[in-house]
Amino acid sequence: MRISFAIKTLFVTLIISSLVACGGKTAKKDPVAQLAELKDQRAALESQISALEIELESNGTIEKRLRTVGVTDVKTGVFRHFIDLQGRVDADESVAATSKIPGTLKRILVDNGDNVRKGQLIAELEDAVILKSLDEMEGQLAVATDLYNRQKSLWEQNIGSEVQYIQAKNAKESLERSIATMKENVGNTKIYAPIGGTVDLVILKPGQAISPGIPLCNILDLNHLLIKGEVTEAYATKVRKGDVVQVYFPDQDKEVSSRVTYVSQSINPTNRTFTIECELGKGDYRANQIAVLKIVDYQNLKAISIPVNYVQTGTDGDYVLVLDAASQPNEGIVRKAPIQMGQNYSGYTEVVSGLKEGDKLISTGFQDVNVGETVKY
């Protein structure tokens, strides 16, 4: 212990001497050059101290001091690489309910969120004019039918001309066809649910005009939901139907597993993406709800993976520091292990070669140790 103190005293004395020696020349030296000189002197002193410590430790004069590091045992496990993208919940059937004829809405019989069955009446158009026209045409038909019956009776008795009979017949049949069309239009003043599901986004109100192509509301079949996402073109050869997908809903902090059920065979020229779809089981989901999709495009069931920040890079490539067995328990000799890396994901890298199960990987303190040094763990 006395010798160790002497070493420290020597170290302090040398530094003070150096600073004093340089102090008189500070005004004459460039500060950058002075800093470099001081660093060189410090490195030389540290080298001398290290050599003395090794010598004194080897002959037992002073106690051997070992650095302490953290160690992680290398194990094999599942390593997966994912394609991350944002998706949205969509109804397998989402249909806009609209009118077959132009008109004015008289009544709307549903509200947002209502559940309806297929064929249920959901709205009515104003039909007073159509009904009045229908009454008038039915009156005309009664007259035309009477005239036709009279002409037919006369024609059967060979009285009157054939032209009169044919004209009466055509007038009657024409009115019958017009009445049939008018009755169909009366039916078209009713709007029925095209599918069963939940009413979403009632757009129009009573008194507003509607015509074919203008939606009254949307009806969603929430019993058959799916998730749609857009995948960048770079993964066109990696995503396949049947691939496993992990679906995360940020709003619910919920994750479910699914599979790709559809992969588009065309690339969107605008954003260079293609569409995929995944099935979604029943649950408390909403149409257009945001979901994060993670598609497994690579997996190794018996991989060695380590945090990527354990990896160091030298002139001869990537490497990590591991411990070989030493003479004492809980001690090891630092060894440099060159490695070859595979896929990287979420801060972890797959180690293809250079490590094996059971190796002791230095996980903390590897920046402060040297190859061949004996350390504690």
Protein backbone atom coordinates (compact mmCIF):
# COMPACT_ATOMS: atom_id res chain seq x y z
CA MET A 1 0.00 0.00 0.00
CA ARG A 2 2.97 2.32 0.70
CA ILE A 3 4.36 1.70 -2.79
CA SER A 4 0.98 2.34 -4.37
CA PHE A 5 0.86 5.68 -2.58
CA ALA A 6 4.35 6.46 -3.84
CA ILE A 7 3.22 5.79 -7.42
CA LYS A 8 0.33 8.19 -7.02
CA THR A 9 2.67 10.80 -5.51
CA LEU A 10 5.07 10.36 -8.41
CA PHE A 11 2.18 10.76 -10.87
CA VAL A 12 0.99 14.02 -9.24
CA THR A 13 4.54 15.37 -9.00
CA LEU A 14 5.24 14.68 -12.65
CA ILE A 15 2.02 16.37 -13.73
CA ILE A 16 2.73 19.43 -11.57
CA SER A 17 6.29 19.59 -12.90
CA SER A 18 5.03 19.39 -16.44
CA LEU A 19 2.45 22.10 -15.85
CA VAL A 20 5.06 24.34 -14.21
CA ALA A 21 7.51 23.70 -17.02
CA CYS A 22 4.89 24.58 -19.59
CA GLY A 23 3.47 27.49 -17.59
CA GLY A 24 6.31 29.82 -18.42
CA LYS A 25 5.97 29.11 -22.09
CA THR A 26 2.16 29.41 -22.31
CA ALA A 27 2.30 32.84 -23.74
CA LYS A 28 4.74 31.74 -26.41
CA LYS A 29 2.99 28.47 -27.48
CA ASP A 30 -0.06 27.89 -29.59
CA PRO A 31 -2.86 26.62 -27.26
CA VAL A 32 -3.65 23.74 -29.63
CA ALA A 33 -0.05 22.59 -29.66
CA GLN A 34 0.17 22.99 -25.88
CA LEU A 35 -2.95 20.82 -25.42
CA ALA A 36 -1.52 18.12 -27.68
CA GLU A 37 1.76 18.16 -25.74
CA LEU A 38 -0.01 17.80 -22.40
CA LYS A 39 -2.07 14.88 -23.72
CA ASP A 40 1.11 13.16 -24.91
CA GLN A 41 2.68 13.64 -21.48
CA ARG A 42 -0.45 12.25 -19.79
CA ALA A 43 -0.44 9.20 -22.08
CA ALA A 44 3.23 8.58 -21.31
CA LEU A 45 2.60 8.84 -17.58
CA GLU A 46 -0.40 6.52 -17.73
CA SER A 47 1.68 4.01 -19.68
CA GLN A 48 4.44 4.11 -17.06
CA ILE A 49 1.91 3.76 -14.23
CA SER A 50 0.24 0.81 -15.97
CA ALA A 51 3.59 -0.92 -16.46
CA LEU A 52 4.52 -0.41 -12.81
CA GLU A 53 1.15 -1.70 -11.61
CA ILE A 54 1.47 -4.85 -13.74
CA GLU A 55 4.97 -5.47 -12.41
CA LEU A 56 3.95 -4.94 -8.78
CA GLU A 57 0.77 -7.00 -9.17
CA SER A 58 2.72 -9.90 -10.70
CA ASN A 59 5.15 -10.16 -7.76
CA GLY A 60 2.41 -9.67 -5.17
CA THR A 61 3.64 -6.34 -3.88
CA ILE A 62 0.21 -4.76 -4.41
CA GLU A 63 -3.20 -6.36 -4.70
CA LYS A 64 -4.38 -7.17 -8.22
CA ARG A 65 -7.25 -4.91 -9.28
CA LEU A 66 -9.68 -6.13 -11.94
CA ARG A 67 -12.28 -4.16 -13.81
CA THR A 68 -15.89 -5.34 -13.42
CA VAL A 69 -18.09 -5.84 -16.48
CA GLY A 70 -21.63 -7.01 -17.13
CA VAL A 71 -22.06 -10.29 -18.95
CA THR A 72 -24.96 -11.78 -20.93
CA ASP A 73 -25.10 -15.47 -21.74
CA VAL A 74 -25.67 -16.03 -25.45
CA LYS A 75 -28.85 -18.02 -26.18
CA THR A 76 -30.73 -19.10 -29.29
CA GLY A 77 -34.32 -18.04 -29.85
CA VAL A 78 -36.82 -16.78 -32.40
CA PHE A 79 -35.77 -13.76 -34.44
CA ARG A 80 -38.30 -12.07 -36.70
CA HIS A 81 -38.03 -9.19 -39.11
CA PHE A 82 -41.21 -7.19 -39.73
CA ILE A 83 -42.48 -4.80 -42.37
CA ASP A 84 -44.13 -1.95 -40.48
CA LEU A 85 -46.99 -0.01 -42.03
CA GLN A 86 -50.16 1.82 -41.08
CA GLY A 87 -53.55 0.39 -41.93
CA ARG A 88 -57.22 1.09 -41.25
CA VAL A 89 -60.26 -0.95 -40.36
CA ASP A 90 -62.73 -1.32 -43.21
CA ALA A 91 -66.05 -3.12 -43.54
CA ASP A 92 -66.09 -6.01 -45.98
CA GLU A 93 -69.46 -4.67 -47.11
CA SER A 94 -69.94 -0.91 -47.07
CA VAL A 95 -72.81 0.20 -49.31
CA ALA A 96 -74.33 3.62 -49.92
CA ALA A 97 -78.15 3.65 -49.77
CA THR A 98 -79.65 5.86 -52.46
CA SER A 99 -82.85 6.46 -54.42
CA LYS A 100 -83.74 4.90 -57.77
CA ILE A 101 -85.56 8.03 -58.97
CA PRO A 102 -85.06 11.77 -58.42
CA GLY A 103 -87.27 13.38 -55.85
CA THR A 104 -87.55 15.14 -52.50
CA LEU A 105 -87.10 13.33 -49.19
CA LYS A 106 -90.30 13.20 -47.14
CA ARG A 107 -89.18 11.03 -44.21
CA ILE A 108 -85.95 9.46 -43.00
CA LEU A 109 -86.64 6.53 -40.71
CA VAL A 110 -83.11 5.79 -39.42
CA ASP A 111 -80.39 7.57 -37.48
CA ASN A 112 -76.64 7.12 -37.24
CA GLY A 113 -75.77 3.92 -35.44
CA ASP A 114 -79.08 2.16 -36.06
CA ASN A 115 -78.93 -1.51 -36.95
CA VAL A 116 -81.00 -2.41 -40.00
CA ARG A 117 -81.79 -5.62 -41.84
CA LYS A 118 -81.59 -6.08 -45.58
CA GLY A 119 -84.75 -4.77 -47.28
CA GLN A 120 -85.86 -2.62 -44.33
CA LEU A 121 -87.59 0.67 -45.22
CA ILE A 122 -85.25 3.52 -44.27
CA ALA A 123 -86.67 6.59 -46.10
CA GLU A 124 -89.56 7.84 -48.25
CA LEU A 125 -89.75 10.41 -51.05
CA GLU A 126 -92.62 12.82 -51.74
CA ASP A 127 -95.18 10.79 -53.77
CA ALA A 128 -98.27 13.05 -53.89
CA VAL A 129 -97.74 14.09 -57.51
CA ILE A 130 -97.09 10.53 -58.63
CA LEU A 131 -100.19 9.23 -56.81
CA LYS A 132 -102.34 11.98 -58.34
CA SER A 133 -101.04 11.15 -61.80
CA LEU A 134 -101.73 7.49 -61.13
CA ASP A 135 -105.35 8.24 -60.18
CA GLU A 136 -105.84 10.24 -63.37
CA MET A 137 -104.36 7.49 -65.51
CA GLU A 138 -106.52 4.85 -63.85
CA GLY A 139 -109.59 6.98 -64.72
CA GLN A 140 -108.40 7.21 -68.31
CA LEU A 141 -107.87 3.47 -68.34
CA ALA A 142 -111.46 2.87 -67.24
CA VAL A 143 -112.72 4.93 -70.18
CA ALA A 144 -110.28 3.31 -72.60
CA THR A 145 -111.28 -0.17 -71.39
CA ASP A 146 -114.97 0.60 -71.91
CA LEU A 147 -114.31 1.87 -75.45
CA TYR A 148 -112.21 -1.16 -76.21
CA ASN A 149 -114.89 -3.56 -75.00
CA ARG A 150 -117.49 -1.78 -77.15
CA GLN A 151 -115.29 -1.85 -80.25
CA LYS A 152 -114.44 -5.49 -79.62
CA SER A 153 -118.14 -6.39 -79.37
CA LEU A 154 -118.93 -4.54 -82.58
CA TRP A 155 -115.97 -6.09 -84.38
CA GLU A 156 -117.07 -9.54 -83.36
CA GLN A 157 -120.46 -8.73 -84.96
CA ASN A 158 -118.66 -7.50 -88.10
CA ILE A 159 -119.75 -3.97 -87.32
CA GLY A 160 -117.33 -1.10 -87.55
CA SER A 161 -113.83 -1.00 -88.96
CA GLU A 162 -110.75 -2.97 -87.93
CA VAL A 163 -108.81 0.27 -87.50
CA GLN A 164 -111.16 1.50 -84.81
CA TYR A 165 -110.83 -1.80 -82.96
CA ILE A 166 -107.03 -1.76 -83.13
CA GLN A 167 -106.84 1.88 -81.98
CA ALA A 168 -109.07 1.17 -78.99
CA LYS A 169 -106.98 -1.87 -78.09
CA ASN A 170 -103.69 0.05 -78.35
CA ALA A 171 -105.05 2.95 -76.25
CA LYS A 172 -106.09 0.55 -73.50
CA GLU A 173 -102.83 -1.40 -73.48
CA SER A 174 -100.74 1.78 -73.59
CA LEU A 175 -102.51 3.13 -70.51
CA GLU A 176 -102.01 -0.24 -68.76
CA ARG A 177 -98.27 -0.06 -69.41
CA SER A 178 -98.08 3.55 -68.25
CA ILE A 179 -99.96 2.69 -65.05
CA ALA A 180 -97.58 -0.23 -64.42
CA THR A 181 -94.61 2.14 -64.80
CA MET A 182 -96.29 4.69 -62.55
CA LYS A 183 -96.91 2.06 -59.87
CA GLU A 184 -93.25 1.05 -60.09
CA ASN A 185 -92.30 4.69 -59.56
CA VAL A 186 -94.56 4.79 -56.52
CA GLY A 187 -92.57 1.84 -55.18
CA ASN A 188 -89.35 3.66 -56.02
CA THR A 189 -90.32 6.50 -53.68
CA LYS A 190 -89.38 4.08 -50.90
CA ILE A 191 -85.68 3.59 -50.07
CA TYR A 192 -84.76 0.21 -48.60
CA ALA A 193 -81.55 -0.97 -46.94
CA PRO A 194 -79.44 -2.73 -49.62
CA ILE A 195 -77.65 -4.83 -46.96
CA GLY A 196 -78.00 -5.59 -43.28
CA GLY A 197 -75.67 -3.72 -40.96
CA THR A 198 -75.14 -0.46 -39.09
CA VAL A 199 -76.24 2.93 -40.43
CA ASP A 200 -73.28 5.28 -40.68
CA LEU A 201 -73.19 8.92 -41.71
CA VAL A 202 -76.74 9.95 -42.65
CA ILE A 203 -75.92 12.71 -45.11
CA LEU A 204 -79.30 14.18 -46.18
CA LYS A 205 -82.28 15.58 -44.31
CA PRO A 206 -86.05 15.63 -45.04
CA GLY A 207 -86.89 18.24 -47.67
CA GLN A 208 -83.58 17.87 -49.51
CA ALA A 209 -83.39 16.57 -53.06
CA ILE A 210 -82.04 13.15 -53.86
CA SER A 211 -81.38 11.32 -57.09
CA PRO A 212 -79.61 8.15 -58.23
CA GLY A 213 -75.94 8.35 -57.27
CA ILE A 214 -76.47 10.71 -54.34
CA PRO A 215 -76.14 8.67 -51.09
CA LEU A 216 -78.65 9.04 -48.30
CA CYS A 217 -76.39 7.19 -45.86
CA ASN A 218 -73.80 4.42 -45.65
CA ILE A 219 -74.57 1.01 -44.26
CA LEU A 220 -71.68 -1.01 -42.85
CA ASP A 221 -71.65 -4.72 -42.16
CA LEU A 222 -69.51 -4.68 -39.01
CA ASN A 223 -69.79 -8.45 -38.66
CA HIS A 224 -67.24 -8.87 -41.43
CA LEU A 225 -64.38 -6.45 -40.86
CA LEU A 226 -60.97 -6.37 -42.50
CA ILE A 227 -57.86 -4.24 -42.35
CA LYS A 228 -56.42 -2.54 -45.40
CA GLY A 229 -52.87 -1.25 -45.70
CA GLU A 230 -50.57 0.17 -48.35
CA VAL A 231 -47.16 -1.51 -48.70
CA THR A 232 -44.26 0.18 -50.45
CA GLU A 233 -43.20 -1.25 -53.79
CA ALA A 234 -39.83 -2.34 -52.36
CA TYR A 235 -41.54 -5.25 -50.58
CA ALA A 236 -43.54 -6.45 -53.60
CA THR A 237 -41.65 -9.75 -53.73
CA LYS A 238 -41.68 -10.31 -49.95
CA VAL A 239 -45.36 -10.04 -49.03
CA ARG A 240 -47.47 -13.09 -49.83
CA LYS A 241 -51.00 -14.23 -49.16
CA GLY A 242 -51.02 -16.18 -45.89
CA ASP A 243 -48.17 -14.22 -44.25
CA VAL A 244 -48.55 -13.73 -40.49
CA VAL A 245 -49.49 -10.19 -39.43
CA GLN A 246 -49.45 -8.64 -35.98
CA VAL A 247 -52.09 -5.92 -35.73
CA TYR A 248 -51.78 -3.27 -33.04
CA PHE A 249 -54.53 -0.77 -32.20
CA PRO A 250 -52.91 2.25 -30.50
CA ASP A 251 -56.20 3.69 -29.22
CA GLN A 252 -57.07 0.45 -27.45
CA ASP A 253 -53.50 -0.65 -26.65
CA LYS A 254 -54.49 -4.03 -28.05
CA GLU A 255 -52.67 -6.47 -30.33
CA VAL A 256 -54.19 -9.33 -32.31
CA SER A 257 -52.76 -11.80 -34.81
CA SER A 258 -54.03 -12.21 -38.36
CA ARG A 259 -52.94 -13.29 -41.83
CA VAL A 260 -52.76 -11.61 -45.21
CA THR A 261 -55.87 -12.61 -47.18
CA TYR A 262 -55.37 -10.45 -50.26
CA VAL A 263 -52.40 -8.92 -52.06
CA SER A 264 -52.99 -6.51 -54.93
CA GLN A 265 -51.24 -7.42 -58.15
CA SER A 266 -50.96 -3.80 -59.30
CA ILE A 267 -48.80 -0.90 -58.09
CA ASN A 268 -50.39 2.48 -57.47
CA PRO A 269 -48.51 4.80 -59.86
CA THR A 270 -49.09 7.81 -57.62
CA ASN A 271 -47.44 6.61 -54.40
CA ARG A 272 -45.77 3.38 -55.63
CA THR A 273 -47.57 1.15 -53.14
CA PHE A 274 -49.80 -1.92 -53.37
CA THR A 275 -52.81 -2.85 -51.23
CA ILE A 276 -53.07 -5.75 -48.81
CA GLU A 277 -56.02 -6.95 -46.74
CA CYS A 278 -56.17 -8.92 -43.48
CA GLU A 279 -59.13 -10.53 -41.79
CA LEU A 280 -60.29 -9.14 -38.46
CA GLY A 281 -62.44 -11.07 -36.03
CA LYS A 282 -65.31 -9.69 -34.03
CA GLY A 283 -64.52 -7.03 -31.46
CA ASP A 284 -65.07 -3.45 -30.43
CA TYR A 285 -63.71 -1.97 -33.65
CA ARG A 286 -64.76 1.01 -35.74
CA ALA A 287 -64.65 1.55 -39.47
CA ASN A 288 -61.60 3.65 -40.48
CA GLN A 289 -59.95 2.97 -37.11
CA ILE A 290 -56.15 3.25 -37.28
CA ALA A 291 -54.10 0.07 -36.92
CA VAL A 292 -50.36 -0.61 -37.08
CA LEU A 293 -49.51 -3.67 -39.15
CA LYS A 294 -46.34 -5.72 -38.68
CA ILE A 295 -45.90 -8.29 -41.43
CA VAL A 296 -43.38 -11.06 -40.79
CA ASP A 297 -41.19 -11.18 -43.90
CA TYR A 298 -38.31 -13.14 -42.31
CA GLN A 299 -37.92 -15.39 -39.28
CA ASN A 300 -35.30 -17.71 -37.83
CA LEU A 301 -36.56 -20.03 -35.11
CA LYS A 302 -33.07 -20.84 -33.80
CA ALA A 303 -31.25 -17.56 -34.16
CA ILE A 304 -28.68 -15.81 -32.01
CA SER A 305 -29.66 -12.19 -31.68
CA ILE A 306 -28.08 -9.43 -29.62
CA PRO A 307 -28.66 -5.71 -29.10
CA VAL A 308 -27.09 -3.87 -31.99
CA ASN A 309 -25.30 -1.44 -29.65
CA TYR A 310 -23.10 -4.30 -28.37
CA VAL A 311 -21.50 -4.49 -31.80
CA GLN A 312 -18.27 -2.58 -32.46
CA THR A 313 -16.66 -1.90 -35.81
CA GLY A 314 -12.94 -2.08 -36.49
CA THR A 315 -10.70 -2.02 -39.53
CA ASP A 316 -11.27 -5.74 -40.05
CA GLY A 317 -15.07 -5.62 -39.67
CA ASP A 318 -17.72 -6.00 -36.98
CA TYR A 319 -16.93 -7.68 -33.66
CA VAL A 320 -18.07 -8.10 -30.06
CA LEU A 321 -16.11 -8.77 -26.88
CA VAL A 322 -16.62 -12.06 -25.06
CA LEU A 323 -15.02 -13.68 -22.04
CA ASP A 324 -12.99 -16.86 -22.05
CA ALA A 325 -12.62 -18.85 -18.83
CA ALA A 326 -9.97 -17.65 -16.35
CA SER A 327 -8.28 -19.34 -13.38
CA GLN A 328 -10.68 -17.89 -10.83
CA PRO A 329 -14.50 -18.11 -10.64
CA ASN A 330 -16.39 -15.06 -11.93
CA GLU A 331 -13.32 -13.94 -13.83
CA GLY A 332 -12.69 -14.04 -17.56
CA ILE A 333 -10.20 -13.07 -20.22
CA VAL A 334 -11.43 -10.57 -22.79
CA ARG A 335 -11.46 -11.91 -26.32
CA LYS A 336 -12.41 -10.21 -29.57
CA ALA A 337 -15.00 -12.21 -31.53
CA PRO A 338 -15.48 -11.17 -35.19
CA ILE A 339 -19.13 -11.63 -36.21
CA GLN A 340 -21.24 -11.58 -39.32
CA MET A 341 -24.61 -9.86 -38.96
CA GLY A 342 -27.86 -10.75 -40.73
CA GLN A 343 -31.18 -8.95 -40.42
CA ASN A 344 -31.75 -6.03 -38.04
CA TYR A 345 -35.01 -5.06 -36.37
CA SER A 346 -36.04 -2.89 -33.44
CA GLY A 347 -32.54 -2.51 -31.99
CA TYR A 348 -31.58 -6.18 -32.34
CA THR A 349 -29.37 -7.84 -34.91
CA GLU A 350 -29.19 -11.46 -35.98
CA VAL A 351 -25.68 -12.92 -35.62
CA VAL A 352 -25.10 -15.33 -38.49
CA SER A 353 -21.63 -16.41 -37.39
CA GLY A 354 -19.04 -15.64 -34.72
CA LEU A 355 -21.08 -16.49 -31.61
CA LYS A 356 -22.46 -19.73 -30.22
CA GLU A 357 -24.90 -20.59 -27.49
CA GLY A 358 -23.26 -20.41 -24.08
CA ASP A 359 -20.74 -17.68 -24.96
CA LYS A 360 -20.40 -14.95 -22.36
CA LEU A 361 -20.95 -11.64 -24.12
CA ILE A 362 -19.72 -8.47 -22.42
CA SER A 363 -22.84 -6.29 -22.31
CA THR A 364 -21.71 -3.42 -20.07
CA GLY A 365 -18.27 -1.94 -19.67
CA PHE A 366 -16.96 -3.30 -22.97
CA GLN A 367 -15.80 0.20 -23.93
CA ASP A 368 -13.32 0.29 -21.04
CA VAL A 369 -11.56 -3.07 -21.36
CA ASN A 370 -8.78 -4.35 -23.59
CA VAL A 371 -8.40 -7.63 -25.43
CA GLY A 372 -6.44 -10.09 -23.26
CA GLU A 373 -7.32 -8.29 -20.03
CA THR A 374 -8.67 -10.29 -17.11
CA VAL A 375 -11.90 -8.88 -15.71
CA LYS A 376 -14.54 -9.74 -13.09
CA TYR A 377 -18.23 -10.27 -13.82
